PDB file of N, CA and C in Angstrom:
ATOM      1  N   MET A   1     -27.344   7.238 -24.166  1.00  0.00           N
ATOM      2  CA  MET A   1     -26.280   7.023 -25.129  1.00  0.00           C
ATOM      3  C   MET A   1     -25.449   5.768 -24.676  1.00  0.00           C
ATOM      4  N   LYS A   2     -25.162   4.901 -25.590  1.00  0.00           N
ATOM      5  CA  LYS A   2     -24.459   3.669 -25.382  1.00  0.00           C
ATOM      6  C   LYS A   2     -22.957   3.977 -25.134  1.00  0.00           C
ATOM      7  N   LYS A   3     -22.392   3.278 -24.120  1.00  0.00           N
ATOM      8  CA  LYS A   3     -20.948   3.491 -23.899  1.00  0.00           C
ATOM      9  C   LYS A   3     -20.143   2.612 -24.797  1.00  0.00           C
ATOM     10  N   THR A   4     -18.911   3.071 -25.101  1.00  0.00           N
ATOM     11  CA  THR A   4     -17.962   2.247 -25.874  1.00  0.00           C
ATOM     12  C   THR A   4     -17.369   1.188 -24.897  1.00  0.00           C
ATOM     13  N   VAL A   5     -16.737   0.261 -25.505  1.00  0.00           N
ATOM     14  CA  VAL A   5     -16.068  -0.768 -24.669  1.00  0.00           C
ATOM     15  C   VAL A   5     -15.025  -0.170 -23.712  1.00  0.00           C
ATOM     16  N   LEU A   6     -14.300   0.749 -24.303  1.00  0.00           N
ATOM     17  CA  LEU A   6     -13.240   1.383 -23.438  1.00  0.00           C
ATOM     18  C   LEU A   6     -13.885   2.203 -22.323  1.00  0.00           C
ATOM     19  N   GLU A   7     -14.969   2.973 -22.612  1.00  0.00           N
ATOM     20  CA  GLU A   7     -15.611   3.685 -21.551  1.00  0.00           C
ATOM     21  C   GLU A   7     -16.184   2.731 -20.490  1.00  0.00           C
ATOM     22  N   GLY A   8     -16.722   1.638 -20.888  1.00  0.00           N
ATOM     23  CA  GLY A   8     -17.248   0.596 -19.966  1.00  0.00           C
ATOM     24  C   GLY A   8     -16.159   0.067 -19.103  1.00  0.00           C
ATOM     25  N   CYS A   9     -15.002  -0.246 -19.640  1.00  0.00           N
ATOM     26  CA  CYS A   9     -13.843  -0.749 -18.875  1.00  0.00           C
ATOM     27  C   CYS A   9     -13.447   0.264 -17.876  1.00  0.00           C
ATOM     28  N   PHE A  10     -13.330   1.513 -18.351  1.00  0.00           N
ATOM     29  CA  PHE A  10     -12.855   2.594 -17.412  1.00  0.00           C
ATOM     30  C   PHE A  10     -13.806   2.771 -16.286  1.00  0.00           C
ATOM     31  N   THR A  11     -15.111   2.807 -16.642  1.00  0.00           N
ATOM     32  CA  THR A  11     -16.176   2.942 -15.523  1.00  0.00           C
ATOM     33  C   THR A  11     -16.067   1.798 -14.542  1.00  0.00           C
ATOM     34  N   HIS A  12     -15.915   0.573 -15.071  1.00  0.00           N
ATOM     35  CA  HIS A  12     -15.763  -0.588 -14.165  1.00  0.00           C
ATOM     36  C   HIS A  12     -14.524  -0.458 -13.249  1.00  0.00           C
ATOM     37  N   PHE A  13     -13.423   0.034 -13.808  1.00  0.00           N
ATOM     38  CA  PHE A  13     -12.196   0.234 -12.956  1.00  0.00           C
ATOM     39  C   PHE A  13     -12.485   1.267 -11.862  1.00  0.00           C
ATOM     40  N   LEU A  14     -13.116   2.362 -12.209  1.00  0.00           N
ATOM     41  CA  LEU A  14     -13.364   3.452 -11.219  1.00  0.00           C
ATOM     42  C   LEU A  14     -14.302   2.977 -10.113  1.00  0.00           C
ATOM     43  N   GLU A  15     -15.276   2.182 -10.499  1.00  0.00           N
ATOM     44  CA  GLU A  15     -16.257   1.619  -9.554  1.00  0.00           C
ATOM     45  C   GLU A  15     -15.567   0.600  -8.646  1.00  0.00           C
ATOM     46  N   ASN A  16     -14.499  -0.052  -9.131  1.00  0.00           N
ATOM     47  CA  ASN A  16     -13.926  -1.158  -8.395  1.00  0.00           C
ATOM     48  C   ASN A  16     -12.420  -0.917  -8.139  1.00  0.00           C
ATOM     49  N   TRP A  17     -11.960   0.350  -7.994  1.00  0.00           N
ATOM     50  CA  TRP A  17     -10.590   0.620  -7.902  1.00  0.00           C
ATOM     51  C   TRP A  17      -9.918   0.034  -6.693  1.00  0.00           C
ATOM     52  N   GLU A  18     -10.618   0.005  -5.601  1.00  0.00           N
ATOM     53  CA  GLU A  18     -10.009  -0.630  -4.355  1.00  0.00           C
ATOM     54  C   GLU A  18      -9.737  -2.075  -4.592  1.00  0.00           C
ATOM     55  N   TYR A  19     -10.595  -2.786  -5.286  1.00  0.00           N
ATOM     56  CA  TYR A  19     -10.275  -4.170  -5.559  1.00  0.00           C
ATOM     57  C   TYR A  19      -9.086  -4.319  -6.452  1.00  0.00           C
ATOM     58  N   HIS A  20      -8.935  -3.524  -7.459  1.00  0.00           N
ATOM     59  CA  HIS A  20      -7.835  -3.606  -8.413  1.00  0.00           C
ATOM     60  C   HIS A  20      -6.518  -3.280  -7.704  1.00  0.00           C
ATOM     61  N   LEU A  21      -6.511  -2.308  -6.809  1.00  0.00           N
ATOM     62  CA  LEU A  21      -5.286  -1.926  -6.079  1.00  0.00           C
ATOM     63  C   LEU A  21      -4.863  -2.999  -5.047  1.00  0.00           C
ATOM     64  N   CYS A  22      -5.850  -3.599  -4.455  1.00  0.00           N
ATOM     65  CA  CYS A  22      -5.643  -4.572  -3.317  1.00  0.00           C
ATOM     66  C   CYS A  22      -6.110  -5.942  -3.779  1.00  0.00           C
ATOM     67  N   SER A  23      -5.563  -6.387  -4.859  1.00  0.00           N
ATOM     68  CA  SER A  23      -5.934  -7.698  -5.468  1.00  0.00           C
ATOM     69  C   SER A  23      -5.832  -8.756  -4.431  1.00  0.00           C
ATOM     70  N   SER A  24      -6.925  -9.620  -4.331  1.00  0.00           N
ATOM     71  CA  SER A  24      -6.885 -10.688  -3.370  1.00  0.00           C
ATOM     72  C   SER A  24      -6.073 -11.871  -3.965  1.00  0.00           C
ATOM     73  N   SER A  25      -5.615 -11.847  -5.163  1.00  0.00           N
ATOM     74  CA  SER A  25      -4.860 -12.867  -5.801  1.00  0.00           C
ATOM     75  C   SER A  25      -3.457 -13.021  -5.102  1.00  0.00           C
ATOM     76  N   LYS A  26      -3.178 -14.235  -4.670  1.00  0.00           N
ATOM     77  CA  LYS A  26      -1.863 -14.474  -4.006  1.00  0.00           C
ATOM     78  C   LYS A  26      -0.794 -14.391  -5.036  1.00  0.00           C
ATOM     79  N   SER A  27      -1.120 -14.368  -6.294  1.00  0.00           N
ATOM     80  CA  SER A  27      -0.028 -14.284  -7.314  1.00  0.00           C
ATOM     81  C   SER A  27       0.492 -12.794  -7.355  1.00  0.00           C
ATOM     82  N   SER A  28      -0.303 -11.910  -6.885  1.00  0.00           N
ATOM     83  CA  SER A  28       0.192 -10.520  -6.742  1.00  0.00           C
ATOM     84  C   SER A  28       0.789 -10.430  -5.364  1.00  0.00           C
ATOM     85  N   SER A  29       2.145 -10.565  -5.269  1.00  0.00           N
ATOM     86  CA  SER A  29       2.785 -10.757  -3.991  1.00  0.00           C
ATOM     87  C   SER A  29       2.928  -9.414  -3.288  1.00  0.00           C
ATOM     88  N   MET A  30       2.657  -8.238  -3.926  1.00  0.00           N
ATOM     89  CA  MET A  30       2.799  -7.012  -3.134  1.00  0.00           C
ATOM     90  C   MET A  30       1.749  -6.003  -3.669  1.00  0.00           C
ATOM     91  N   PRO A  31       0.481  -6.275  -3.142  1.00  0.00           N
ATOM     92  CA  PRO A  31      -0.596  -5.293  -3.501  1.00  0.00           C
ATOM     93  C   PRO A  31      -0.420  -3.926  -2.963  1.00  0.00           C
ATOM     94  N   ILE A  32      -0.802  -2.927  -3.750  1.00  0.00           N
ATOM     95  CA  ILE A  32      -0.788  -1.480  -3.232  1.00  0.00           C
ATOM     96  C   ILE A  32      -1.997  -1.353  -2.283  1.00  0.00           C
ATOM     97  N   ILE A  33      -1.717  -0.870  -1.099  1.00  0.00           N
ATOM     98  CA  ILE A  33      -2.762  -0.642  -0.096  1.00  0.00           C
ATOM     99  C   ILE A  33      -3.159   0.842  -0.024  1.00  0.00           C
ATOM    100  N   CYS A  34      -2.327   1.701  -0.609  1.00  0.00           N
ATOM    101  CA  CYS A  34      -2.682   3.110  -0.599  1.00  0.00           C
ATOM    102  C   CYS A  34      -1.817   3.835  -1.630  1.00  0.00           C
ATOM    103  N   PHE A  35      -2.376   4.949  -2.192  1.00  0.00           N
ATOM    104  CA  PHE A  35      -1.683   5.773  -3.114  1.00  0.00           C
ATOM    105  C   PHE A  35      -2.047   7.276  -2.852  1.00  0.00           C
ATOM    106  N   PHE A  36      -1.088   8.044  -2.589  1.00  0.00           N
ATOM    107  CA  PHE A  36      -1.303   9.468  -2.390  1.00  0.00           C
ATOM    108  C   PHE A  36       0.000  10.300  -2.620  1.00  0.00           C
ATOM    109  N   HIS A  37      -0.110  11.460  -3.206  1.00  0.00           N
ATOM    110  CA  HIS A  37       1.013  12.385  -3.464  1.00  0.00           C
ATOM    111  C   HIS A  37       2.151  11.695  -4.170  1.00  0.00           C
ATOM    112  N   GLY A  38       1.778  10.797  -5.103  1.00  0.00           N
ATOM    113  CA  GLY A  38       2.813  10.063  -5.911  1.00  0.00           C
ATOM    114  C   GLY A  38       3.441   8.892  -5.192  1.00  0.00           C
ATOM    115  N   LEU A  39       3.021   8.591  -3.959  1.00  0.00           N
ATOM    116  CA  LEU A  39       3.594   7.556  -3.161  1.00  0.00           C
ATOM    117  C   LEU A  39       2.702   6.306  -3.378  1.00  0.00           C
ATOM    118  N   TYR A  40       3.362   5.212  -3.680  1.00  0.00           N
ATOM    119  CA  TYR A  40       2.682   3.903  -3.744  1.00  0.00           C
ATOM    120  C   TYR A  40       3.069   3.069  -2.447  1.00  0.00           C
ATOM    121  N   ILE A  41       2.088   2.776  -1.667  1.00  0.00           N
ATOM    122  CA  ILE A  41       2.387   2.018  -0.395  1.00  0.00           C
ATOM    123  C   ILE A  41       1.859   0.613  -0.568  1.00  0.00           C
ATOM    124  N   SER A  42       2.753  -0.351  -0.329  1.00  0.00           N
ATOM    125  CA  SER A  42       2.333  -1.789  -0.484  1.00  0.00           C
ATOM    126  C   SER A  42       2.868  -2.645   0.651  1.00  0.00           C
ATOM    127  N   MET A  43       2.392  -3.843   0.688  1.00  0.00           N
ATOM    128  CA  MET A  43       2.774  -4.814   1.659  1.00  0.00           C
ATOM    129  C   MET A  43       2.885  -6.224   0.959  1.00  0.00           C
ATOM    130  N   TYR A  44       3.949  -6.856   1.141  1.00  0.00           N
ATOM    131  CA  TYR A  44       4.139  -8.191   0.591  1.00  0.00           C
ATOM    132  C   TYR A  44       3.299  -9.199   1.399  1.00  0.00           C
ATOM    133  N   PHE A  45       2.767 -10.223   0.596  1.00  0.00           N
ATOM    134  CA  PHE A  45       2.146 -11.375   1.273  1.00  0.00           C
ATOM    135  C   PHE A  45       3.294 -12.189   1.836  1.00  0.00           C
ATOM    136  N   PHE A  46       3.093 -12.923   2.945  1.00  0.00           N
ATOM    137  CA  PHE A  46       3.997 -13.811   3.581  1.00  0.00           C
ATOM    138  C   PHE A  46       5.367 -13.195   3.874  1.00  0.00           C
ATOM    139  N   ASP A  47       5.495 -11.950   4.112  1.00  0.00           N
ATOM    140  CA  ASP A  47       6.714 -11.238   4.316  1.00  0.00           C
ATOM    141  C   ASP A  47       6.967 -10.915   5.829  1.00  0.00           C
ATOM    142  N   ASN A  48       7.179 -11.998   6.592  1.00  0.00           N
ATOM    143  CA  ASN A  48       7.456 -11.801   8.017  1.00  0.00           C
ATOM    144  C   ASN A  48       8.846 -12.291   8.403  1.00  0.00           C
ATOM    145  N   LYS A  49       9.662 -12.657   7.343  1.00  0.00           N
ATOM    146  CA  LYS A  49      11.027 -13.169   7.602  1.00  0.00           C
ATOM    147  C   LYS A  49      12.108 -12.158   7.340  1.00  0.00           C
ATOM    148  N   ALA A  50      11.949 -11.355   6.263  1.00  0.00           N
ATOM    149  CA  ALA A  50      13.000 -10.457   5.820  1.00  0.00           C
ATOM    150  C   ALA A  50      13.377  -9.435   6.849  1.00  0.00           C
ATOM    151  N   HIS A  51      12.399  -8.710   7.333  1.00  0.00           N
ATOM    152  CA  HIS A  51      12.656  -7.613   8.274  1.00  0.00           C
ATOM    153  C   HIS A  51      12.243  -7.988   9.721  1.00  0.00           C
ATOM    154  N   HIS A  52      11.604  -9.030   9.957  1.00  0.00           N
ATOM    155  CA  HIS A  52      11.230  -9.507  11.269  1.00  0.00           C
ATOM    156  C   HIS A  52      10.350  -8.495  12.085  1.00  0.00           C
ATOM    157  N   LEU A  53       9.739  -7.543  11.439  1.00  0.00           N
ATOM    158  CA  LEU A  53       8.798  -6.701  12.173  1.00  0.00           C
ATOM    159  C   LEU A  53       7.828  -6.093  11.104  1.00  0.00           C
ATOM    160  N   PRO A  54       6.666  -5.756  11.638  1.00  0.00           N
ATOM    161  CA  PRO A  54       5.565  -5.198  10.715  1.00  0.00           C
ATOM    162  C   PRO A  54       6.166  -3.977   9.953  1.00  0.00           C
ATOM    163  N   HIS A  55       5.983  -4.039   8.601  1.00  0.00           N
ATOM    164  CA  HIS A  55       6.515  -2.950   7.772  1.00  0.00           C
ATOM    165  C   HIS A  55       5.791  -2.772   6.507  1.00  0.00           C
ATOM    166  N   ILE A  56       5.985  -1.574   5.873  1.00  0.00           N
ATOM    167  CA  ILE A  56       5.388  -1.325   4.525  1.00  0.00           C
ATOM    168  C   ILE A  56       6.512  -0.908   3.551  1.00  0.00           C
ATOM    169  N   HIS A  57       6.262  -1.119   2.326  1.00  0.00           N
ATOM    170  CA  HIS A  57       7.145  -0.699   1.253  1.00  0.00           C
ATOM    171  C   HIS A  57       6.566   0.483   0.556  1.00  0.00           C
ATOM    172  N   VAL A  58       7.407   1.481   0.291  1.00  0.00           N
ATOM    173  CA  VAL A  58       6.919   2.633  -0.348  1.00  0.00           C
ATOM    174  C   VAL A  58       7.775   2.986  -1.596  1.00  0.00           C
ATOM    175  N   ASN A  59       7.124   3.265  -2.700  1.00  0.00           N
ATOM    176  CA  ASN A  59       7.851   3.727  -3.903  1.00  0.00           C
ATOM    177  C   ASN A  59       7.332   5.062  -4.311  1.00  0.00           C
ATOM    178  N   PHE A  60       8.330   5.828  -4.818  1.00  0.00           N
ATOM    179  CA  PHE A  60       8.042   7.199  -5.277  1.00  0.00           C
ATOM    180  C   PHE A  60       9.102   7.493  -6.323  1.00  0.00           C
ATOM    181  N   ASN A  61       8.641   7.602  -7.527  1.00  0.00           N
ATOM    182  CA  ASN A  61       9.605   7.754  -8.738  1.00  0.00           C
ATOM    183  C   ASN A  61      10.665   6.657  -8.645  1.00  0.00           C
ATOM    184  N   ASP A  62      11.939   7.080  -8.562  1.00  0.00           N
ATOM    185  CA  ASP A  62      13.025   6.049  -8.472  1.00  0.00           C
ATOM    186  C   ASP A  62      13.373   5.719  -7.135  1.00  0.00           C
ATOM    187  N   TYR A  63      12.718   6.185  -6.081  1.00  0.00           N
ATOM    188  CA  TYR A  63      13.000   5.929  -4.676  1.00  0.00           C
ATOM    189  C   TYR A  63      12.183   4.752  -4.183  1.00  0.00           C
ATOM    190  N   GLU A  64      12.835   3.947  -3.386  1.00  0.00           N
ATOM    191  CA  GLU A  64      12.147   2.813  -2.692  1.00  0.00           C
ATOM    192  C   GLU A  64      12.647   2.829  -1.237  1.00  0.00           C
ATOM    193  N   ALA A  65      11.683   2.607  -0.315  1.00  0.00           N
ATOM    194  CA  ALA A  65      12.032   2.529   1.117  1.00  0.00           C
ATOM    195  C   ALA A  65      11.102   1.630   1.813  1.00  0.00           C
ATOM    196  N   VAL A  66      11.597   1.143   3.000  1.00  0.00           N
ATOM    197  CA  VAL A  66      10.790   0.310   3.885  1.00  0.00           C
ATOM    198  C   VAL A  66      10.642   1.024   5.191  1.00  0.00           C
ATOM    199  N   TYR A  67       9.417   1.027   5.774  1.00  0.00           N
ATOM    200  CA  TYR A  67       9.081   1.732   6.994  1.00  0.00           C
ATOM    201  C   TYR A  67       8.488   0.780   7.990  1.00  0.00           C
ATOM    202  N   SER A  68       8.936   0.895   9.317  1.00  0.00           N
ATOM    203  CA  SER A  68       8.341   0.137  10.335  1.00  0.00           C
ATOM    204  C   SER A  68       6.935   0.662  10.639  1.00  0.00           C
ATOM    205  N   ILE A  69       6.012  -0.205  10.882  1.00  0.00           N
ATOM    206  CA  ILE A  69       4.616   0.245  11.209  1.00  0.00           C
ATOM    207  C   ILE A  69       4.562   0.706  12.654  1.00  0.00           C
ATOM    208  N   PRO A  70       5.179  -0.103  13.645  1.00  0.00           N
ATOM    209  CA  PRO A  70       5.067   0.331  15.003  1.00  0.00           C
ATOM    210  C   PRO A  70       5.777   1.599  15.331  1.00  0.00           C
ATOM    211  N   LEU A  71       6.989   1.769  14.769  1.00  0.00           N
ATOM    212  CA  LEU A  71       7.701   3.081  15.031  1.00  0.00           C
ATOM    213  C   LEU A  71       7.587   4.174  14.025  1.00  0.00           C
ATOM    214  N   GLY A  72       7.157   3.829  12.816  1.00  0.00           N
ATOM    215  CA  GLY A  72       6.969   4.829  11.754  1.00  0.00           C
ATOM    216  C   GLY A  72       8.267   5.353  11.237  1.00  0.00           C
ATOM    217  N   ASN A  73       9.411   4.651  11.464  1.00  0.00           N
ATOM    218  CA  ASN A  73      10.680   5.107  10.961  1.00  0.00           C
ATOM    219  C   ASN A  73      11.120   4.311   9.731  1.00  0.00           C
ATOM    220  N   ARG A  74      12.052   4.878   8.931  1.00  0.00           N
ATOM    221  CA  ARG A  74      12.550   4.159   7.760  1.00  0.00           C
ATOM    222  C   ARG A  74      13.599   3.184   8.249  1.00  0.00           C
ATOM    223  N   ILE A  75      13.458   1.937   7.723  1.00  0.00           N
ATOM    224  CA  ILE A  75      14.455   0.926   8.091  1.00  0.00           C
ATOM    225  C   ILE A  75      15.287   0.466   6.939  1.00  0.00           C
ATOM    226  N   ASP A  76      14.968   0.891   5.756  1.00  0.00           N
ATOM    227  CA  ASP A  76      15.732   0.519   4.613  1.00  0.00           C
ATOM    228  C   ASP A  76      15.439   1.445   3.438  1.00  0.00           C
ATOM    229  N   GLY A  77      16.358   1.703   2.538  1.00  0.00           N
ATOM    230  CA  GLY A  77      16.101   2.432   1.362  1.00  0.00           C
ATOM    231  C   GLY A  77      16.279   3.900   1.588  1.00  0.00           C
ATOM    232  N   GLU A  78      15.802   4.704   0.558  1.00  0.00           N
ATOM    233  CA  GLU A  78      15.893   6.125   0.549  1.00  0.00           C
ATOM    234  C   GLU A  78      14.575   6.737   0.132  1.00  0.00           C
ATOM    235  N   MET A  79      14.318   8.003   0.574  1.00  0.00           N
ATOM    236  CA  MET A  79      13.120   8.729   0.250  1.00  0.00           C
ATOM    237  C   MET A  79      13.401  10.190   0.476  1.00  0.00           C
ATOM    238  N   PRO A  80      12.865  11.072  -0.504  1.00  0.00           N
ATOM    239  CA  PRO A  80      13.056  12.510  -0.264  1.00  0.00           C
ATOM    240  C   PRO A  80      12.430  12.956   1.059  1.00  0.00           C
ATOM    241  N   GLY A  81      13.037  13.907   1.702  1.00  0.00           N
ATOM    242  CA  GLY A  81      12.554  14.371   3.024  1.00  0.00           C
ATOM    243  C   GLY A  81      11.107  14.805   3.169  1.00  0.00           C
ATOM    244  N   ASN A  82      10.640  15.553   2.077  1.00  0.00           N
ATOM    245  CA  ASN A  82       9.247  16.025   2.102  1.00  0.00           C
ATOM    246  C   ASN A  82       8.242  14.824   2.044  1.00  0.00           C
ATOM    247  N   LYS A  83       8.631  13.818   1.223  1.00  0.00           N
ATOM    248  CA  LYS A  83       7.779  12.625   1.055  1.00  0.00           C
ATOM    249  C   LYS A  83       7.844  11.757   2.388  1.00  0.00           C
ATOM    250  N   GLU A  84       8.992  11.725   2.952  1.00  0.00           N
ATOM    251  CA  GLU A  84       9.120  10.925   4.191  1.00  0.00           C
ATOM    252  C   GLU A  84       8.243  11.484   5.311  1.00  0.00           C
ATOM    253  N   LYS A  85       8.146  12.819   5.386  1.00  0.00           N
ATOM    254  CA  LYS A  85       7.302  13.491   6.427  1.00  0.00           C
ATOM    255  C   LYS A  85       5.844  12.982   6.233  1.00  0.00           C
ATOM    256  N   LEU A  86       5.402  12.978   4.878  1.00  0.00           N
ATOM    257  CA  LEU A  86       3.994  12.496   4.623  1.00  0.00           C
ATOM    258  C   LEU A  86       3.776  11.046   4.969  1.00  0.00           C
ATOM    259  N   ILE A  87       4.816  10.195   4.711  1.00  0.00           N
ATOM    260  CA  ILE A  87       4.661   8.807   4.946  1.00  0.00           C
ATOM    261  C   ILE A  87       4.618   8.589   6.501  1.00  0.00           C
ATOM    262  N   VAL A  88       5.471   9.248   7.263  1.00  0.00           N
ATOM    263  CA  VAL A  88       5.490   9.045   8.707  1.00  0.00           C
ATOM    264  C   VAL A  88       4.147   9.508   9.327  1.00  0.00           C
ATOM    265  N   LYS A  89       3.644  10.647   8.815  1.00  0.00           N
ATOM    266  CA  LYS A  89       2.278  11.111   9.289  1.00  0.00           C
ATOM    267  C   LYS A  89       1.243  10.149   9.019  1.00  0.00           C
ATOM    268  N   TRP A  90       1.165   9.598   7.743  1.00  0.00           N
ATOM    269  CA  TRP A  90       0.178   8.613   7.343  1.00  0.00           C
ATOM    270  C   TRP A  90       0.281   7.378   8.162  1.00  0.00           C
ATOM    271  N   ILE A  91       1.456   6.878   8.471  1.00  0.00           N
ATOM    272  CA  ILE A  91       1.635   5.704   9.304  1.00  0.00           C
ATOM    273  C   ILE A  91       1.020   5.969  10.707  1.00  0.00           C
ATOM    274  N   GLY A  92       1.294   7.081  11.273  1.00  0.00           N
ATOM    275  CA  GLY A  92       0.805   7.405  12.586  1.00  0.00           C
ATOM    276  C   GLY A  92      -0.707   7.482  12.659  1.00  0.00           C
ATOM    277  N   LEU A  93      -1.262   8.013  11.589  1.00  0.00           N
ATOM    278  CA  LEU A  93      -2.755   8.088  11.518  1.00  0.00           C
ATOM    279  C   LEU A  93      -3.417   6.744  11.263  1.00  0.00           C
ATOM    280  N   ASN A  94      -2.720   5.795  10.708  1.00  0.00           N
ATOM    281  CA  ASN A  94      -3.315   4.535  10.329  1.00  0.00           C
ATOM    282  C   ASN A  94      -2.695   3.295  10.859  1.00  0.00           C
ATOM    283  N   GLN A  95      -2.064   3.395  12.055  1.00  0.00           N
ATOM    284  CA  GLN A  95      -1.348   2.286  12.581  1.00  0.00           C
ATOM    285  C   GLN A  95      -2.313   1.063  12.817  1.00  0.00           C
ATOM    286  N   HIS A  96      -3.443   1.274  13.322  1.00  0.00           N
ATOM    287  CA  HIS A  96      -4.353   0.175  13.594  1.00  0.00           C
ATOM    288  C   HIS A  96      -4.748  -0.576  12.291  1.00  0.00           C
ATOM    289  N   GLU A  97      -5.110   0.152  11.238  1.00  0.00           N
ATOM    290  CA  GLU A  97      -5.421  -0.402   9.958  1.00  0.00           C
ATOM    291  C   GLU A  97      -4.193  -1.148   9.327  1.00  0.00           C
ATOM    292  N   LEU A  98      -3.032  -0.522   9.473  1.00  0.00           N
ATOM    293  CA  LEU A  98      -1.796  -1.147   8.978  1.00  0.00           C
ATOM    294  C   LEU A  98      -1.474  -2.486   9.711  1.00  0.00           C
ATOM    295  N   MET A  99      -1.652  -2.482  11.000  1.00  0.00           N
ATOM    296  CA  MET A  99      -1.387  -3.682  11.723  1.00  0.00           C
ATOM    297  C   MET A  99      -2.393  -4.793  11.405  1.00  0.00           C
ATOM    298  N   GLU A 100      -3.616  -4.410  11.221  1.00  0.00           N
ATOM    299  CA  GLU A 100      -4.654  -5.346  10.737  1.00  0.00           C
ATOM    300  C   GLU A 100      -4.260  -5.933   9.398  1.00  0.00           C
ATOM    301  N   ASN A 101      -3.896  -5.090   8.415  1.00  0.00           N
ATOM    302  CA  ASN A 101      -3.373  -5.557   7.155  1.00  0.00           C
ATOM    303  C   ASN A 101      -2.107  -6.468   7.321  1.00  0.00           C
ATOM    304  N   TRP A 102      -1.201  -6.094   8.161  1.00  0.00           N
ATOM    305  CA  TRP A 102      -0.009  -6.935   8.371  1.00  0.00           C
ATOM    306  C   TRP A 102      -0.374  -8.349   8.807  1.00  0.00           C
ATOM    307  N   SER A 103      -1.353  -8.480   9.733  1.00  0.00           N
ATOM    308  CA  SER A 103      -1.866  -9.715  10.276  1.00  0.00           C
ATOM    309  C   SER A 103      -2.422 -10.552   9.074  1.00  0.00           C
ATOM    310  N   ARG A 104      -3.112  -9.888   8.179  1.00  0.00           N
ATOM    311  CA  ARG A 104      -3.716 -10.520   7.088  1.00  0.00           C
ATOM    312  C   ARG A 104      -2.605 -10.960   6.115  1.00  0.00           C
ATOM    313  N   ALA A 105      -1.642 -10.066   5.783  1.00  0.00           N
ATOM    314  CA  ALA A 105      -0.660 -10.293   4.765  1.00  0.00           C
ATOM    315  C   ALA A 105       0.242 -11.473   5.133  1.00  0.00           C
ATOM    316  N   ILE A 106       0.620 -11.665   6.385  1.00  0.00           N
ATOM    317  CA  ILE A 106       1.599 -12.667   6.720  1.00  0.00           C
ATOM    318  C   ILE A 106       0.994 -14.115   6.600  1.00  0.00           C
ATOM    319  N   VAL A 107      -0.356 -14.185   6.514  1.00  0.00           N
ATOM    320  CA  VAL A 107      -0.995 -15.496   6.272  1.00  0.00           C
ATOM    321  C   VAL A 107      -1.611 -15.568   4.853  1.00  0.00           C
ATOM    322  N   GLY A 108      -1.397 -14.556   4.022  1.00  0.00           N
ATOM    323  CA  GLY A 108      -1.803 -14.604   2.631  1.00  0.00           C
ATOM    324  C   GLY A 108      -3.225 -14.240   2.367  1.00  0.00           C
ATOM    325  N   LEU A 109      -3.939 -13.458   3.363  1.00  0.00           N
ATOM    326  CA  LEU A 109      -5.290 -13.146   3.155  1.00  0.00           C
ATOM    327  C   LEU A 109      -5.338 -11.763   2.358  1.00  0.00           C
ATOM    328  N   PRO A 110      -6.448 -11.518   1.707  1.00  0.00           N
ATOM    329  CA  PRO A 110      -6.582 -10.274   0.898  1.00  0.00           C
ATOM    330  C   PRO A 110      -6.413  -9.048   1.855  1.00  0.00           C
ATOM    331  N   LEU A 111      -5.732  -7.981   1.333  1.00  0.00           N
ATOM    332  CA  LEU A 111      -5.536  -6.807   2.158  1.00  0.00           C
ATOM    333  C   LEU A 111      -6.602  -5.752   1.871  1.00  0.00           C
ATOM    334  N   LYS A 112      -6.782  -4.900   2.817  1.00  0.00           N
ATOM    335  CA  LYS A 112      -7.768  -3.792   2.660  1.00  0.00           C
ATOM    336  C   LYS A 112      -7.109  -2.510   2.266  1.00  0.00           C
ATOM    337  N   PHE A 113      -7.723  -1.735   1.437  1.00  0.00           N
ATOM    338  CA  PHE A 113      -7.225  -0.404   1.052  1.00  0.00           C
ATOM    339  C   PHE A 113      -7.341   0.533   2.302  1.00  0.00           C
ATOM    340  N   ILE A 114      -6.303   1.284   2.502  1.00  0.00           N
ATOM    341  CA  ILE A 114      -6.337   2.307   3.594  1.00  0.00           C
ATOM    342  C   ILE A 114      -6.444   3.673   2.993  1.00  0.00           C
ATOM    343  N   GLN A 115      -7.267   4.500   3.585  1.00  0.00           N
ATOM    344  CA  GLN A 115      -7.433   5.892   3.046  1.00  0.00           C
ATOM    345  C   GLN A 115      -6.197   6.673   2.926  1.00  0.00           C
ATOM    346  N   PRO A 116      -6.033   7.395   1.892  1.00  0.00           N
ATOM    347  CA  PRO A 116      -4.829   8.180   1.627  1.00  0.00           C
ATOM    348  C   PRO A 116      -4.843   9.469   2.564  1.00  0.00           C
ATOM    349  N   LEU A 117      -3.689  10.035   2.632  1.00  0.00           N
ATOM    350  CA  LEU A 117      -3.432  11.285   3.431  1.00  0.00           C
ATOM    351  C   LEU A 117      -4.058  12.378   2.484  1.00  0.00           C
ATOM    352  N   LYS A 118      -4.790  13.277   3.041  1.00  0.00           N
ATOM    353  CA  LYS A 118      -5.457  14.303   2.253  1.00  0.00           C
ATOM    354  C   LYS A 118      -4.793  15.665   2.540  1.00  0.00           C
TER     355      LYS A 118
END
């Protein structure tokens, strides 16, 4: 059976979802590197001046926060307590991958998707 155009586009997105979330385009200044439990985790390209330490940006509904990668603590913004526990756990489990992405982001290289917390 032949797929409709919409079905074909949806299938393409599913097969390439990591690429779409972690766009290598430098015009996308904050690609999403992970998504789980409603949390969108991203990293800005060329963002080593504002906070002066490796960090991630997390969005959940109307909440936004910034977390240190080395320490796993919140350094800016607000986040509900139950979501913050998930974020801190995820950072702890993925510190190596996060630091690798940080090294790539500060020079504008494409970022890698990091596995979500299950």
